[in-house]
Amino acid sequence: AEIAANALDELIRLLQTDEPLWMKS
């Protein structure tokens, strides 16, 4: 349950954050 909750937080940040996490190819 703890791993899943932490993973959910990470996923939301990956989806809602652009730079500097994501760059355009």
PDB file of all heavy atoms in Angstrom:
ATOM      1  N   ALA A   1       0.834  -1.205   0.000  1.00  0.00           N
ATOM      2  CA  ALA A   1       0.000   0.000   0.000  1.00  0.00           C
ATOM      3  C   ALA A   1       0.868   1.254   0.000  1.00  0.00           C
ATOM      4  O   ALA A   1       0.569   2.236  -0.694  1.00  0.00           O
ATOM      5  CB  ALA A   1      -0.930  -0.014   1.212  1.00  0.00           C
ATOM      6  N   GLU A   2       1.964   1.217   0.754  1.00  0.00           N
ATOM      7  CA  GLU A   2       2.858   2.379   0.811  1.00  0.00           C
ATOM      8  C   GLU A   2       3.541   2.605  -0.538  1.00  0.00           C
ATOM      9  O   GLU A   2       3.645   3.738  -1.018  1.00  0.00           O
ATOM     10  CB  GLU A   2       3.901   2.170   1.905  1.00  0.00           C
ATOM     11  CG  GLU A   2       4.860   3.344   2.057  1.00  0.00           C
ATOM     12  CD  GLU A   2       5.901   3.095   3.132  1.00  0.00           C
ATOM     13  OE1 GLU A   2       5.856   2.025   3.781  1.00  0.00           O
ATOM     14  OE2 GLU A   2       6.767   3.962   3.320  1.00  0.00           O
ATOM     15  N   ILE A   3       4.004   1.507  -1.167  1.00  0.00           N
ATOM     16  CA  ILE A   3       4.657   1.617  -2.476  1.00  0.00           C
ATOM     17  C   ILE A   3       3.688   2.183  -3.506  1.00  0.00           C
ATOM     18  O   ILE A   3       4.037   3.057  -4.306  1.00  0.00           O
ATOM     19  CB  ILE A   3       5.182   0.228  -2.919  1.00  0.00           C
ATOM     20  CG1 ILE A   3       6.362  -0.191  -2.045  1.00  0.00           C
ATOM     21  CG2 ILE A   3       5.582   0.242  -4.389  1.00  0.00           C
ATOM     22  CD1 ILE A   3       6.839  -1.608  -2.298  1.00  0.00           C
ATOM     23  N   ALA A   4       2.438   1.697  -3.488  1.00  0.00           N
ATOM     24  CA  ALA A   4       1.440   2.166  -4.453  1.00  0.00           C
ATOM     25  C   ALA A   4       1.136   3.647  -4.252  1.00  0.00           C
ATOM     26  O   ALA A   4       1.016   4.409  -5.220  1.00  0.00           O
ATOM     27  CB  ALA A   4       0.169   1.329  -4.331  1.00  0.00           C
ATOM     28  N   ALA A   5       1.011   4.077  -2.999  1.00  0.00           N
ATOM     29  CA  ALA A   5       0.706   5.487  -2.730  1.00  0.00           C
ATOM     30  C   ALA A   5       1.855   6.388  -3.184  1.00  0.00           C
ATOM     31  O   ALA A   5       1.629   7.449  -3.787  1.00  0.00           O
ATOM     32  CB  ALA A   5       0.435   5.676  -1.236  1.00  0.00           C
ATOM     33  N   ASN A   6       3.098   5.975  -2.908  1.00  0.00           N
ATOM     34  CA  ASN A   6       4.249   6.764  -3.361  1.00  0.00           C
ATOM     35  C   ASN A   6       4.327   6.805  -4.884  1.00  0.00           C
ATOM     36  O   ASN A   6       4.671   7.845  -5.476  1.00  0.00           O
ATOM     37  CB  ASN A   6       5.538   6.184  -2.783  1.00  0.00           C
ATOM     38  CG  ASN A   6       5.633   6.355  -1.277  1.00  0.00           C
ATOM     39  OD1 ASN A   6       4.994   7.246  -0.714  1.00  0.00           O
ATOM     40  ND2 ASN A   6       6.411   5.512  -0.623  1.00  0.00           N
ATOM     41  N   ALA A   7       4.021   5.670  -5.519  1.00  0.00           N
ATOM     42  CA  ALA A   7       4.047   5.610  -6.982  1.00  0.00           C
ATOM     43  C   ALA A   7       2.996   6.542  -7.587  1.00  0.00           C
ATOM     44  O   ALA A   7       3.235   7.178  -8.623  1.00  0.00           O
ATOM     45  CB  ALA A   7       3.821   4.177  -7.456  1.00  0.00           C
ATOM     46  N   LEU A   8       1.832   6.618  -6.941  1.00  0.00           N
ATOM     47  CA  LEU A   8       0.780   7.504  -7.437  1.00  0.00           C
ATOM     48  C   LEU A   8       1.232   8.964  -7.384  1.00  0.00           C
ATOM     49  O   LEU A   8       1.019   9.726  -8.339  1.00  0.00           O
ATOM     50  CB  LEU A   8      -0.494   7.314  -6.612  1.00  0.00           C
ATOM     51  CG  LEU A   8      -1.710   8.104  -7.087  1.00  0.00           C
ATOM     52  CD1 LEU A   8      -2.221   7.563  -8.406  1.00  0.00           C
ATOM     53  CD2 LEU A   8      -2.823   8.072  -6.047  1.00  0.00           C
ATOM     54  N   ASP A   9       1.879   9.349  -6.283  1.00  0.00           N
ATOM     55  CA  ASP A   9       2.381  10.727  -6.170  1.00  0.00           C
ATOM     56  C   ASP A   9       3.395  11.024  -7.265  1.00  0.00           C
ATOM     57  O   ASP A   9       3.371  12.095  -7.884  1.00  0.00           O
ATOM     58  CB  ASP A   9       3.020  10.939  -4.794  1.00  0.00           C
ATOM     59  CG  ASP A   9       2.001  10.898  -3.670  1.00  0.00           C
ATOM     60  OD1 ASP A   9       0.805  11.087  -3.953  1.00  0.00           O
ATOM     61  OD2 ASP A   9       2.392  10.647  -2.511  1.00  0.00           O
ATOM     62  N   GLU A  10       4.285  10.061  -7.519  1.00  0.00           N
ATOM     63  CA  GLU A  10       5.301  10.255  -8.564  1.00  0.00           C
ATOM     64  C   GLU A  10       4.655  10.360  -9.937  1.00  0.00           C
ATOM     65  O   GLU A  10       5.034  11.212 -10.753  1.00  0.00           O
ATOM     66  CB  GLU A  10       6.308   9.109  -8.533  1.00  0.00           C
ATOM     67  CG  GLU A  10       7.402   9.245  -9.583  1.00  0.00           C
ATOM     68  CD  GLU A  10       8.472   8.179  -9.459  1.00  0.00           C
ATOM     69  OE1 GLU A  10       8.822   7.805  -8.319  1.00  0.00           O
ATOM     70  OE2 GLU A  10       8.977   7.724 -10.505  1.00  0.00           O
ATOM     71  N   LEU A  11       3.664   9.498 -10.207  1.00  0.00           N
ATOM     72  CA  LEU A  11       3.002   9.520 -11.513  1.00  0.00           C
ATOM     73  C   LEU A  11       2.344  10.879 -11.766  1.00  0.00           C
ATOM     74  O   LEU A  11       2.471  11.446 -12.860  1.00  0.00           O
ATOM     75  CB  LEU A  11       1.947   8.406 -11.582  1.00  0.00           C
ATOM     76  CG  LEU A  11       1.053   8.417 -12.825  1.00  0.00           C
ATOM     77  CD1 LEU A  11       1.857   8.084 -14.070  1.00  0.00           C
ATOM     78  CD2 LEU A  11      -0.119   7.457 -12.667  1.00  0.00           C
ATOM     79  N   ILE A  12       1.640  11.401 -10.775  1.00  0.00           N
ATOM     80  CA  ILE A  12       0.948  12.687 -10.953  1.00  0.00           C
ATOM     81  C   ILE A  12       1.951  13.802 -11.248  1.00  0.00           C
ATOM     82  O   ILE A  12       1.721  14.654 -12.119  1.00  0.00           O
ATOM     83  CB  ILE A  12       0.092  13.003  -9.712  1.00  0.00           C
ATOM     84  CG1 ILE A  12      -1.072  11.995  -9.611  1.00  0.00           C
ATOM     85  CG2 ILE A  12      -0.445  14.419  -9.773  1.00  0.00           C
ATOM     86  CD1 ILE A  12      -1.897  12.125  -8.357  1.00  0.00           C
ATOM     87  N   ARG A  13       3.082  13.784 -10.559  1.00  0.00           N
ATOM     88  CA  ARG A  13       4.098  14.804 -10.825  1.00  0.00           C
ATOM     89  C   ARG A  13       4.689  14.651 -12.222  1.00  0.00           C
ATOM     90  O   ARG A  13       4.964  15.633 -12.910  1.00  0.00           O
ATOM     91  CB  ARG A  13       5.201  14.723  -9.761  1.00  0.00           C
ATOM     92  CG  ARG A  13       4.727  15.158  -8.377  1.00  0.00           C
ATOM     93  CD  ARG A  13       5.854  15.107  -7.363  1.00  0.00           C
ATOM     94  NE  ARG A  13       6.893  16.103  -7.651  1.00  0.00           N
ATOM     95  CZ  ARG A  13       8.014  16.226  -6.947  1.00  0.00           C
ATOM     96  NH1 ARG A  13       8.225  15.428  -5.902  1.00  0.00           N
ATOM     97  NH2 ARG A  13       8.904  17.144  -7.253  1.00  0.00           N
ATOM     98  N   LEU A  14       4.898  13.413 -12.662  1.00  0.00           N
ATOM     99  CA  LEU A  14       5.420  13.183 -14.018  1.00  0.00           C
ATOM    100  C   LEU A  14       4.433  13.659 -15.080  1.00  0.00           C
ATOM    101  O   LEU A  14       4.829  14.141 -16.143  1.00  0.00           O
ATOM    102  CB  LEU A  14       5.723  11.689 -14.223  1.00  0.00           C
ATOM    103  CG  LEU A  14       6.954  11.135 -13.519  1.00  0.00           C
ATOM    104  CD1 LEU A  14       7.014   9.615 -13.670  1.00  0.00           C
ATOM    105  CD2 LEU A  14       8.226  11.761 -14.081  1.00  0.00           C
ATOM    106  N   LEU A  15       3.139  13.520 -14.793  1.00  0.00           N
ATOM    107  CA  LEU A  15       2.127  13.923 -15.766  1.00  0.00           C
ATOM    108  C   LEU A  15       1.923  15.436 -15.790  1.00  0.00           C
ATOM    109  O   LEU A  15       1.600  16.011 -16.833  1.00  0.00           O
ATOM    110  CB  LEU A  15       0.798  13.227 -15.444  1.00  0.00           C
ATOM    111  CG  LEU A  15       0.719  11.736 -15.779  1.00  0.00           C
ATOM    112  CD1 LEU A  15      -0.510  11.112 -15.138  1.00  0.00           C
ATOM    113  CD2 LEU A  15       0.684  11.518 -17.288  1.00  0.00           C
ATOM    114  N   GLN A  16       2.130  16.083 -14.666  1.00  0.00           N
ATOM    115  CA  GLN A  16       1.795  17.502 -14.564  1.00  0.00           C
ATOM    116  C   GLN A  16       3.005  18.427 -14.677  1.00  0.00           C
ATOM    117  O   GLN A  16       2.850  19.642 -14.698  1.00  0.00           O
ATOM    118  CB  GLN A  16       1.070  17.764 -13.240  1.00  0.00           C
ATOM    119  CG  GLN A  16      -0.279  17.051 -13.144  1.00  0.00           C
ATOM    120  CD  GLN A  16      -0.989  17.304 -11.833  1.00  0.00           C
ATOM    121  OE1 GLN A  16      -0.385  17.749 -10.858  1.00  0.00           O
ATOM    122  NE2 GLN A  16      -2.289  17.008 -11.789  1.00  0.00           N
ATOM    123  N   THR A  17       4.211  17.867 -14.742  1.00  0.00           N
ATOM    124  CA  THR A  17       5.430  18.679 -14.821  1.00  0.00           C
ATOM    125  C   THR A  17       6.048  18.560 -16.205  1.00  0.00           C
ATOM    126  O   THR A  17       6.177  17.449 -16.735  1.00  0.00           O
ATOM    127  CB  THR A  17       6.452  18.226 -13.754  1.00  0.00           C
ATOM    128  OG1 THR A  17       5.831  18.233 -12.474  1.00  0.00           O
ATOM    129  CG2 THR A  17       7.662  19.151 -13.745  1.00  0.00           C
ATOM    130  N   ASP A  18       6.425  19.685 -16.791  1.00  0.00           N
ATOM    131  CA  ASP A  18       7.125  19.668 -18.078  1.00  0.00           C
ATOM    132  C   ASP A  18       8.629  19.793 -17.818  1.00  0.00           C
ATOM    133  O   ASP A  18       9.224  18.891 -17.260  1.00  0.00           O
ATOM    134  CB  ASP A  18       6.598  20.781 -18.977  1.00  0.00           C
ATOM    135  CG  ASP A  18       5.140  20.538 -19.375  1.00  0.00           C
ATOM    136  OD1 ASP A  18       4.771  19.365 -19.541  1.00  0.00           O
ATOM    137  OD2 ASP A  18       4.375  21.509 -19.482  1.00  0.00           O
ATOM    138  N   GLU A  19       9.216  20.891 -18.215  1.00  0.00           N
ATOM    139  CA  GLU A  19      10.639  21.082 -17.920  1.00  0.00           C
ATOM    140  C   GLU A  19      10.811  21.340 -16.416  1.00  0.00           C
ATOM    141  O   GLU A  19       9.937  21.942 -15.794  1.00  0.00           O
ATOM    142  CB  GLU A  19      11.185  22.255 -18.732  1.00  0.00           C
ATOM    143  CG  GLU A  19      11.171  22.002 -20.232  1.00  0.00           C
ATOM    144  CD  GLU A  19      11.797  23.155 -21.006  1.00  0.00           C
ATOM    145  OE1 GLU A  19      12.239  24.137 -20.348  1.00  0.00           O
ATOM    146  OE2 GLU A  19      11.861  23.085 -22.229  1.00  0.00           O
ATOM    147  N   PRO A  20      11.905  20.862 -15.787  1.00  0.00           N
ATOM    148  CA  PRO A  20      13.061  20.210 -16.413  1.00  0.00           C
ATOM    149  C   PRO A  20      12.956  18.695 -16.496  1.00  0.00           C
ATOM    150  O   PRO A  20      13.887  18.047 -16.955  1.00  0.00           O
ATOM    151  CB  PRO A  20      14.194  20.620 -15.472  1.00  0.00           C
ATOM    152  CG  PRO A  20      13.524  20.633 -14.121  1.00  0.00           C
ATOM    153  CD  PRO A  20      12.127  21.142 -14.358  1.00  0.00           C
ATOM    154  N   LEU A  21      11.824  18.097 -16.030  1.00  0.00           N
ATOM    155  CA  LEU A  21      11.714  16.639 -16.074  1.00  0.00           C
ATOM    156  C   LEU A  21      11.604  16.123 -17.509  1.00  0.00           C
ATOM    157  O   LEU A  21      12.206  15.111 -17.863  1.00  0.00           O
ATOM    158  CB  LEU A  21      10.498  16.180 -15.269  1.00  0.00           C
ATOM    159  CG  LEU A  21      10.681  16.049 -13.755  1.00  0.00           C
ATOM    160  CD1 LEU A  21       9.374  15.660 -13.093  1.00  0.00           C
ATOM    161  CD2 LEU A  21      11.758  15.024 -13.443  1.00  0.00           C
ATOM    162  N   TRP A  22      10.826  16.789 -18.332  1.00  0.00           N
ATOM    163  CA  TRP A  22      10.577  16.337 -19.700  1.00  0.00           C
ATOM    164  C   TRP A  22      11.129  17.370 -20.684  1.00  0.00           C
ATOM    165  O   TRP A  22      10.934  18.566 -20.513  1.00  0.00           O
ATOM    166  CB  TRP A  22       9.085  16.139 -19.962  1.00  0.00           C
ATOM    167  CG  TRP A  22       8.466  15.051 -19.140  1.00  0.00           C
ATOM    168  CD1 TRP A  22       7.835  15.185 -17.930  1.00  0.00           C
ATOM    169  CD2 TRP A  22       8.423  13.658 -19.451  1.00  0.00           C
ATOM    170  NE1 TRP A  22       7.393  13.973 -17.480  1.00  0.00           N
ATOM    171  CE2 TRP A  22       7.745  13.008 -18.390  1.00  0.00           C
ATOM    172  CE3 TRP A  22       8.871  12.880 -20.522  1.00  0.00           C
ATOM    173  CZ2 TRP A  22       7.510  11.640 -18.373  1.00  0.00           C
ATOM    174  CZ3 TRP A  22       8.653  11.515 -20.501  1.00  0.00           C
ATOM    175  CH2 TRP A  22       7.980  10.905 -19.444  1.00  0.00           C
ATOM    176  N   MET A  23      11.782  16.871 -21.724  1.00  0.00           N
ATOM    177  CA  MET A  23      12.318  17.721 -22.786  1.00  0.00           C
ATOM    178  C   MET A  23      11.725  17.268 -24.117  1.00  0.00           C
ATOM    179  O   MET A  23      11.323  16.114 -24.278  1.00  0.00           O
ATOM    180  CB  MET A  23      13.846  17.627 -22.842  1.00  0.00           C
ATOM    181  CG  MET A  23      14.532  17.818 -21.495  1.00  0.00           C
ATOM    182  SD  MET A  23      14.311  19.467 -20.805  1.00  0.00           S
ATOM    183  CE  MET A  23      15.308  20.425 -21.932  1.00  0.00           C
ATOM    184  N   LYS A  24      11.668  18.180 -25.080  1.00  0.00           N
ATOM    185  CA  LYS A  24      11.171  17.835 -26.408  1.00  0.00           C
ATOM    186  C   LYS A  24      12.291  17.204 -27.243  1.00  0.00           C
ATOM    187  O   LYS A  24      13.388  17.753 -27.336  1.00  0.00           O
ATOM    188  CB  LYS A  24      10.653  19.083 -27.128  1.00  0.00           C
ATOM    189  CG  LYS A  24       9.375  19.660 -26.536  1.00  0.00           C
ATOM    190  CD  LYS A  24       8.206  18.729 -26.736  1.00  0.00           C
ATOM    191  CE  LYS A  24       6.920  19.364 -26.196  1.00  0.00           C
ATOM    192  NZ  LYS A  24       5.784  18.434 -26.278  1.00  0.00           N
ATOM    193  N   SER A  25      11.999  16.047 -27.847  1.00  0.00           N
ATOM    194  CA  SER A  25      12.977  15.403 -28.719  1.00  0.00           C
ATOM    195  C   SER A  25      13.137  16.205 -30.005  1.00  0.00           C
ATOM    196  O   SER A  25      12.148  16.611 -30.622  1.00  0.00           O
ATOM    197  CB  SER A  25      12.525  13.975 -29.056  1.00  0.00           C
ATOM    198  OG  SER A  25      13.306  13.420 -30.092  1.00  0.00           O
TER     199      SER A  25
END
